[in-house]
Amino acid sequence: MPNDSAQERPREKVLISPRYLAASYPTDHHQLLEIFAEDFEWSAHADDSSLTVTSPCRRITIRHDQAAVGRGPHLVISARAEEEAPERWRTDINGNVPIESVVTLIGALAAELTADPDHVIYGIGAEPGLLELYVDADAWDCFDDFGLSGFISRDGHAAVVCRRSDSTAPPIRGDASITWHMAASPDALGPLWDISFTQKTPPFLTHAVAAETLDAQPTLRSTAFAFPAVLAPLVTIERVASPSPGLSAQSPHAGPPQSPEPKRTPKTR
């Protein structure tokens, strides 16, 4: 048998900061979707390069297309009022999106679909284009100009952007239906990842991903997930110490630091 001693050792955990540069490979997204479909009992269909999972109500589909990697969105979430109806809203995921953001997005979608399916499809009860986001002013700058508003990281590597449907700004990615866009693009590397939400996407989904992106606390991650070495100079990676044997108290480094009180609570329209 092969030597699996390395795999048998406990996986270490690390804190990665900033979290918007805690990139993950599209293959991680594919594996996550497989696990999600099995755990939540969504139907799954696979062919040579793609995997499509469909909600029990047949109104939500999540498609991962490995052949699209490097050429456009490889993970697309679509919602319809009924199975054969036209697409009502869409979320596009492109590039090395941190796996934590994908987990947050799909988890929020599945939970709300169980609780209130019409809220997921129609976004009932929320004002379009309005999100209340808690932002650390030491990590992000607010902007509102040229028909766009949102936040840009102090290092210039990431942004959370809102383009209202009546904006005079050029369409994001050439698609006028996109109203929210989160992206990371380090100067030295170029585009790393982006997530786009079309106009009728329920705000709770957009908020979940925006809040994950804007969170200034490090990401706690197992070293079981491969991390792109090219990003190492741009991030801080801190090993999480394991609790000492015989101690019942939890190590102070066993999880990410608690979030501080927000320094401002801007509303972005």
Protein backbone atom coordinates (compact mmCIF):
# COMPACT_ATOMS: atom_id res chain seq x y z
CA MET A 1 0.00 0.00 0.00
CA PRO A 2 1.19 3.59 -0.57
CA ASN A 3 2.67 5.51 2.31
CA ASP A 4 -0.22 7.61 3.63
CA SER A 5 1.58 8.77 6.77
CA ALA A 6 1.40 12.42 5.67
CA GLN A 7 -2.36 12.14 5.17
CA GLU A 8 -2.78 10.43 8.52
CA ARG A 9 -1.19 13.31 10.43
CA PRO A 10 -3.67 15.85 11.85
CA ARG A 11 -4.16 18.77 9.51
CA GLU A 12 -2.92 22.08 10.84
CA LYS A 13 -5.06 25.17 10.83
CA VAL A 14 -3.91 28.63 9.83
CA LEU A 15 -5.24 32.17 9.90
CA ILE A 16 -5.08 33.93 6.53
CA SER A 17 -5.38 37.69 6.20
CA PRO A 18 -6.75 39.54 4.33
CA ARG A 19 -9.56 37.09 3.76
CA TYR A 20 -10.34 38.37 0.25
CA LEU A 21 -6.93 37.03 -0.82
CA ALA A 22 -7.49 33.60 0.77
CA ALA A 23 -7.95 32.21 -2.72
CA SER A 24 -9.23 28.71 -3.50
CA TYR A 25 -9.04 26.68 -6.68
CA PRO A 26 -12.11 26.01 -8.85
CA THR A 27 -11.63 22.30 -8.16
CA ASP A 28 -12.41 23.08 -4.51
CA HIS A 29 -15.67 24.66 -5.65
CA HIS A 30 -16.52 21.52 -7.60
CA GLN A 31 -15.87 19.27 -4.61
CA LEU A 32 -17.93 21.53 -2.39
CA LEU A 33 -20.85 21.35 -4.82
CA GLU A 34 -20.69 17.55 -4.85
CA ILE A 35 -20.80 17.43 -1.05
CA PHE A 36 -23.57 20.02 -0.91
CA ALA A 37 -25.79 18.10 -3.35
CA GLU A 38 -25.43 14.92 -1.32
CA ASP A 39 -25.94 16.54 2.08
CA PHE A 40 -28.96 18.63 1.07
CA GLU A 41 -30.45 16.03 -1.26
CA TRP A 42 -30.40 18.19 -4.36
CA SER A 43 -30.40 16.23 -7.61
CA ALA A 44 -27.09 16.15 -9.46
CA HIS A 45 -26.20 15.60 -13.09
CA ALA A 46 -22.62 15.34 -14.35
CA ASP A 47 -21.06 15.10 -17.79
CA ASP A 48 -17.48 15.29 -19.06
CA SER A 49 -16.67 18.75 -17.65
CA SER A 50 -19.68 19.99 -15.71
CA LEU A 51 -21.79 19.26 -12.66
CA THR A 52 -25.30 20.67 -12.29
CA VAL A 53 -27.28 20.40 -9.08
CA THR A 54 -30.97 21.29 -8.87
CA SER A 55 -33.08 22.13 -5.85
CA PRO A 56 -35.98 19.82 -4.88
CA CYS A 57 -38.42 22.51 -6.05
CA ARG A 58 -36.63 22.55 -9.46
CA ARG A 59 -36.41 26.37 -9.42
CA ILE A 60 -32.75 26.79 -8.47
CA THR A 61 -29.79 25.35 -10.36
CA ILE A 62 -26.09 25.57 -9.54
CA ARG A 63 -23.77 24.62 -12.38
CA HIS A 64 -20.02 24.14 -12.20
CA ASP A 65 -18.29 23.95 -15.57
CA GLN A 66 -14.61 23.09 -15.40
CA ALA A 67 -14.23 23.88 -19.10
CA ALA A 68 -15.17 27.52 -18.39
CA VAL A 69 -12.29 28.06 -15.94
CA GLY A 70 -10.11 30.89 -17.23
CA ARG A 71 -12.68 31.90 -19.85
CA GLY A 72 -15.49 33.25 -17.66
CA PRO A 73 -17.74 32.25 -14.77
CA HIS A 74 -17.33 28.57 -13.95
CA LEU A 75 -19.94 28.44 -11.15
CA VAL A 76 -23.38 29.89 -11.94
CA ILE A 77 -26.47 29.99 -9.74
CA SER A 78 -29.76 30.56 -11.58
CA ALA A 79 -33.27 31.08 -10.23
CA ARG A 80 -36.58 30.71 -12.05
CA ALA A 81 -40.19 31.13 -10.98
CA GLU A 82 -40.74 27.57 -12.24
CA GLU A 83 -38.59 24.95 -13.89
CA GLU A 84 -39.13 25.97 -17.51
CA ALA A 85 -39.55 29.73 -16.88
CA PRO A 86 -36.98 32.34 -17.99
CA GLU A 87 -34.12 33.06 -15.61
CA ARG A 88 -35.18 35.54 -12.92
CA TRP A 89 -31.80 36.22 -11.31
CA ARG A 90 -28.26 34.90 -11.54
CA THR A 91 -25.04 34.83 -9.55
CA ASP A 92 -21.76 34.30 -11.42
CA ILE A 93 -18.57 33.06 -9.73
CA ASN A 94 -15.30 33.43 -11.58
CA GLY A 95 -11.71 32.60 -10.72
CA ASN A 96 -10.15 31.58 -7.40
CA VAL A 97 -12.96 32.69 -5.10
CA PRO A 98 -12.20 31.86 -1.44
CA ILE A 99 -14.01 28.65 -0.59
CA GLU A 100 -15.45 30.33 2.51
CA SER A 101 -17.36 32.81 0.34
CA VAL A 102 -18.81 29.99 -1.76
CA VAL A 103 -19.83 28.12 1.40
CA THR A 104 -21.50 31.27 2.76
CA LEU A 105 -23.38 31.87 -0.48
CA ILE A 106 -24.63 28.33 -1.03
CA GLY A 107 -25.39 27.83 2.65
CA ALA A 108 -27.49 30.99 2.86
CA LEU A 109 -29.30 30.02 -0.34
CA ALA A 110 -30.15 26.50 0.86
CA ALA A 111 -31.25 27.63 4.33
CA GLU A 112 -33.59 30.32 3.05
CA LEU A 113 -34.94 28.10 0.28
CA THR A 114 -36.05 25.68 2.99
CA ALA A 115 -37.53 28.45 5.16
CA ASP A 116 -39.18 30.64 2.51
CA PRO A 117 -38.82 29.61 -1.15
CA ASP A 118 -40.65 32.66 -2.51
CA HIS A 119 -38.23 34.94 -0.69
CA VAL A 120 -35.37 33.28 -2.56
CA ILE A 121 -37.07 33.52 -5.94
CA TYR A 122 -38.66 36.96 -5.63
CA GLY A 123 -36.69 38.73 -2.88
CA ILE A 124 -39.94 39.87 -1.26
CA GLY A 125 -39.74 42.34 1.60
CA ALA A 126 -36.46 44.07 0.83
CA GLU A 127 -35.67 47.38 -0.83
CA PRO A 128 -33.65 46.75 -4.00
CA GLY A 129 -30.13 48.14 -4.00
CA LEU A 130 -29.93 48.82 -0.26
CA LEU A 131 -27.59 46.87 1.99
CA GLU A 132 -26.47 47.76 5.49
CA LEU A 133 -22.85 46.69 5.82
CA TYR A 134 -20.47 46.93 8.78
CA VAL A 135 -17.06 48.08 7.60
CA ASP A 136 -13.72 48.53 9.36
CA ALA A 137 -12.58 51.99 8.30
CA ASP A 138 -8.94 50.97 8.80
CA ALA A 139 -9.28 48.26 6.14
CA TRP A 140 -11.71 49.72 3.59
CA ASP A 141 -12.42 53.09 1.98
CA CYS A 142 -15.92 54.11 0.93
CA PHE A 143 -16.54 55.63 -2.51
CA ASP A 144 -19.54 57.01 -4.37
CA ASP A 145 -18.73 58.47 -7.76
CA PHE A 146 -19.28 58.09 -11.49
CA GLY A 147 -22.50 56.13 -10.97
CA LEU A 148 -20.85 53.49 -8.78
CA SER A 149 -20.64 53.15 -5.01
CA GLY A 150 -19.13 50.73 -2.54
CA PHE A 151 -15.81 49.99 -0.87
CA ILE A 152 -12.23 49.45 -1.93
CA SER A 153 -9.62 47.80 0.28
CA ARG A 154 -6.81 50.00 1.58
CA ASP A 155 -4.26 47.90 -0.29
CA GLY A 156 -6.22 48.42 -3.52
CA HIS A 157 -6.49 44.69 -4.13
CA ALA A 158 -10.25 44.20 -3.67
CA ALA A 159 -13.55 46.02 -4.07
CA VAL A 160 -17.25 45.65 -3.34
CA VAL A 161 -19.15 47.65 -5.96
CA CYS A 162 -22.81 48.58 -6.42
CA ARG A 163 -24.20 49.79 -9.75
CA ARG A 164 -27.86 50.72 -9.50
CA SER A 165 -30.09 49.86 -12.43
CA ASP A 166 -30.52 53.58 -13.25
CA SER A 167 -26.78 54.30 -13.11
CA THR A 168 -25.06 56.09 -15.99
CA ALA A 169 -21.87 54.09 -15.37
CA PRO A 170 -20.90 51.49 -17.98
CA PRO A 171 -22.35 48.05 -17.25
CA ILE A 172 -20.23 45.78 -15.08
CA ARG A 173 -18.72 43.01 -17.22
CA GLY A 174 -20.82 44.43 -20.08
CA ASP A 175 -24.03 43.17 -18.43
CA ALA A 176 -26.49 45.91 -17.46
CA SER A 177 -28.41 43.49 -15.22
CA ILE A 178 -25.48 43.19 -12.77
CA THR A 179 -26.01 45.45 -9.75
CA TRP A 180 -23.43 44.10 -7.27
CA HIS A 181 -19.89 42.96 -7.97
CA MET A 182 -17.20 41.75 -5.55
CA ALA A 183 -13.69 41.21 -6.86
CA ALA A 184 -10.03 40.84 -5.98
CA SER A 185 -7.33 41.89 -8.42
CA PRO A 186 -3.87 42.32 -6.88
CA ASP A 187 -1.71 44.74 -8.83
CA ALA A 188 1.10 42.26 -9.39
CA LEU A 189 -1.15 39.37 -10.41
CA GLY A 190 -4.17 40.78 -12.18
CA PRO A 191 -7.73 39.44 -11.77
CA LEU A 192 -7.90 36.82 -9.03
CA TRP A 193 -11.65 36.28 -8.56
CA ASP A 194 -15.02 37.97 -8.83
CA ILE A 195 -18.67 37.35 -7.94
CA SER A 196 -21.55 39.16 -9.69
CA PHE A 197 -25.21 39.45 -8.73
CA THR A 198 -27.93 40.47 -11.17
CA GLN A 199 -30.64 42.98 -10.32
CA LYS A 200 -33.34 40.67 -8.93
CA THR A 201 -31.03 38.61 -6.72
CA PRO A 202 -32.52 38.66 -3.19
CA PRO A 203 -30.50 41.12 -1.08
CA PHE A 204 -29.86 38.58 1.69
CA LEU A 205 -27.62 36.62 -0.69
CA THR A 206 -25.70 39.68 -1.81
CA HIS A 207 -25.35 40.80 1.80
CA ALA A 208 -23.99 37.41 2.91
CA VAL A 209 -21.14 37.50 0.39
CA ALA A 210 -20.44 41.24 0.77
CA ALA A 211 -20.20 40.87 4.55
CA GLU A 212 -17.85 37.89 4.15
CA THR A 213 -15.65 39.87 1.76
CA LEU A 214 -15.57 43.03 3.90
CA ASP A 215 -14.85 41.23 7.17
CA ALA A 216 -11.44 42.43 8.35
CA GLN A 217 -10.80 39.36 10.51
CA PRO A 218 -8.54 36.54 9.25
CA THR A 219 -9.95 33.39 7.69
CA LEU A 220 -9.45 30.23 9.71
CA ARG A 221 -8.61 27.40 7.32
CA SER A 222 -7.29 23.87 7.41
CA THR A 223 -4.09 23.24 5.51
CA ALA A 224 -6.03 20.44 3.78
CA PHE A 225 -7.09 23.17 1.35
CA ALA A 226 -4.30 24.05 -1.06
CA PHE A 227 -3.33 27.74 -1.08
CA PRO A 228 -1.82 29.37 -4.18
CA ALA A 229 1.86 29.96 -3.45
CA VAL A 230 1.92 33.01 -5.72
CA LEU A 231 -0.22 34.87 -3.16
CA ALA A 232 2.09 34.19 -0.20
CA PRO A 233 3.90 37.57 -0.43
CA LEU A 234 0.56 39.41 -0.26
CA VAL A 235 -0.96 37.72 2.79
CA THR A 236 -0.19 37.00 6.40
CA ILE A 237 -0.46 33.32 7.32
CA GLU A 238 -0.35 32.49 11.01
CA ARG A 239 -0.29 28.94 12.29
CA VAL A 240 -2.97 28.18 14.87
CA ALA A 241 -1.48 26.58 17.96
CA SER A 242 -3.01 23.28 19.04
CA PRO A 243 -4.31 23.00 22.63
CA SER A 244 -1.80 21.44 25.00
CA PRO A 245 -2.66 17.88 26.16
CA GLY A 246 -4.55 17.81 29.45
CA LEU A 247 -5.85 21.36 29.21
CA SER A 248 -9.60 21.72 29.13
CA ALA A 249 -9.62 25.39 28.28
CA GLN A 250 -9.72 26.28 24.60
CA SER A 251 -6.59 27.77 23.12
CA PRO A 252 -6.90 31.52 22.59
CA HIS A 253 -5.83 30.91 18.97
CA ALA A 254 -8.31 28.11 18.28
CA GLY A 255 -10.44 30.36 16.15
CA PRO A 256 -10.42 33.75 14.45
CA PRO A 257 -10.45 36.81 16.70
CA GLN A 258 -13.82 38.19 17.71
CA SER A 259 -15.10 40.96 15.48
CA PRO A 260 -14.63 44.44 16.96
CA GLU A 261 -17.37 47.00 17.05
CA PRO A 262 -17.73 48.54 13.58
CA LYS A 263 -16.22 51.96 13.14
CA ARG A 264 -19.00 52.99 10.78
CA THR A 265 -22.15 51.54 9.35
CA PRO A 266 -22.54 52.95 5.85
CA LYS A 267 -25.53 52.19 3.66
CA THR A 268 -24.65 51.74 0.02
CA ARG A 269 -27.20 52.39 -2.62
